[in-house]
Amino acid sequence: MQNVKLDLDKNGRGHFYINENNEQIAEMVISVSGNELTVYHTEVSPKAEGKGLAKELLNEMVTYARKNNLQVIALCPYVFAQFKRHSNDYKDIWKNNPE
């Protein structure tokens, strides 16, 4: 398991990310405004694909959202697909749930 970190600026823009050997190998771009956390994009470096890093980013974002009572707007195709596929697991935080 990798160490997922969060970097947010004073305006609530930032990303969850994973570094390996001083190089960023995965990130999830987000913003936080009020009680909403918007996820824009998730990307894993080609050399790090297949290691479950996107899922680790997702899990960390979900933990953060729950801890801070945030509703998630899933604009990122990966996060949207995971939320849709496992909607019962995320219904408490998924703001734009189509169901």
Protein backbone atom coordinates (compact mmCIF):
# COMPACT_ATOMS: atom_id res chain seq x y z
CA MET A 1 0.00 0.00 0.00
CA GLN A 2 1.28 3.41 -1.00
CA ASN A 3 1.18 6.54 1.13
CA VAL A 4 -1.54 8.82 -0.28
CA LYS A 5 -1.07 12.50 0.49
CA LEU A 6 -3.37 15.49 0.10
CA ASP A 7 -2.29 18.93 -1.02
CA LEU A 8 -4.95 21.67 -0.90
CA ASP A 9 -4.34 25.37 -1.42
CA LYS A 10 -6.14 28.16 0.47
CA ASN A 11 -8.85 28.23 -2.22
CA GLY A 12 -9.65 24.55 -1.76
CA ARG A 13 -8.01 23.37 -4.99
CA GLY A 14 -5.54 20.54 -4.99
CA HIS A 15 -5.02 16.83 -5.29
CA PHE A 16 -4.55 13.52 -3.60
CA TYR A 17 -1.30 12.04 -4.83
CA ILE A 18 1.15 9.19 -4.48
CA ASN A 19 4.90 9.65 -4.86
CA GLU A 20 7.45 6.94 -5.41
CA ASN A 21 11.19 7.66 -5.44
CA ASN A 22 10.49 11.42 -5.36
CA GLU A 23 8.25 11.18 -8.44
CA GLN A 24 4.49 11.61 -8.56
CA ILE A 25 3.05 8.38 -9.96
CA ALA A 26 -0.67 8.92 -9.32
CA GLU A 27 -3.01 11.81 -8.63
CA MET A 28 -6.67 12.70 -8.20
CA VAL A 29 -7.45 16.37 -8.90
CA ILE A 30 -10.09 17.84 -6.60
CA SER A 31 -11.57 21.03 -5.23
CA VAL A 32 -13.43 21.65 -1.99
CA SER A 33 -16.02 24.39 -1.68
CA GLY A 34 -18.48 24.61 1.18
CA ASN A 35 -19.70 21.08 1.83
CA GLU A 36 -18.84 19.79 -1.65
CA LEU A 37 -15.77 17.97 -2.90
CA THR A 38 -15.53 17.87 -6.69
CA VAL A 39 -13.33 15.23 -8.31
CA TYR A 40 -12.15 16.27 -11.78
CA HIS A 41 -9.55 13.76 -12.88
CA THR A 42 -7.66 10.66 -11.78
CA GLU A 43 -4.43 9.62 -13.46
CA VAL A 44 -1.83 6.94 -12.84
CA SER A 45 1.57 6.97 -14.52
CA PRO A 46 1.80 4.27 -17.22
CA LYS A 47 4.71 2.63 -15.38
CA ALA A 48 2.56 2.33 -12.24
CA GLU A 49 -0.64 1.03 -13.83
CA GLY A 50 -2.17 -2.19 -12.58
CA LYS A 51 -1.06 -1.72 -8.97
CA GLY A 52 -4.41 -0.48 -7.63
CA LEU A 53 -3.20 3.08 -7.13
CA ALA A 54 -6.36 4.69 -8.50
CA LYS A 55 -8.37 2.67 -5.97
CA GLU A 56 -6.07 3.83 -3.18
CA LEU A 57 -6.66 7.45 -4.22
CA LEU A 58 -10.40 6.79 -4.34
CA ASN A 59 -10.40 5.23 -0.87
CA GLU A 60 -8.46 8.15 0.59
CA MET A 61 -10.79 10.70 -1.04
CA VAL A 62 -13.87 8.85 0.27
CA THR A 63 -12.39 8.72 3.79
CA TYR A 64 -11.63 12.45 3.62
CA ALA A 65 -15.14 13.27 2.36
CA ARG A 66 -16.80 11.26 5.14
CA LYS A 67 -14.52 12.66 7.84
CA ASN A 68 -15.33 16.22 6.73
CA ASN A 69 -19.05 15.66 5.98
CA LEU A 70 -18.60 16.49 2.29
CA GLN A 71 -20.79 15.54 -0.64
CA VAL A 72 -18.82 14.32 -3.67
CA ILE A 73 -19.47 15.56 -7.19
CA ALA A 74 -17.94 12.88 -9.43
CA LEU A 75 -16.93 14.61 -12.68
CA CYS A 76 -13.99 12.25 -13.09
CA PRO A 77 -14.98 9.27 -15.28
CA TYR A 78 -13.10 6.80 -13.04
CA VAL A 79 -14.74 8.01 -9.82
CA PHE A 80 -18.16 8.19 -11.49
CA ALA A 81 -17.79 4.60 -12.74
CA GLN A 82 -16.76 3.34 -9.31
CA PHE A 83 -19.59 5.22 -7.60
CA LYS A 84 -22.09 3.88 -10.12
CA ARG A 85 -20.77 0.30 -9.94
CA HIS A 86 -20.77 0.30 -6.13
CA SER A 87 -23.51 2.86 -5.46
CA ASN A 88 -24.51 1.37 -2.10
CA ASP A 89 -20.96 1.89 -0.82
CA TYR A 90 -20.98 5.59 -1.71
CA LYS A 91 -24.63 6.68 -1.48
CA ASP A 92 -23.95 8.62 1.73
CA ILE A 93 -21.48 10.96 0.00
CA TRP A 94 -22.46 10.89 -3.72
CA LYS A 95 -24.13 14.23 -4.44
CA ASN A 96 -24.94 13.70 -8.14
CA ASN A 97 -26.16 10.12 -7.78
CA PRO A 98 -28.37 9.50 -10.85
CA GLU A 99 -30.52 6.95 -8.99
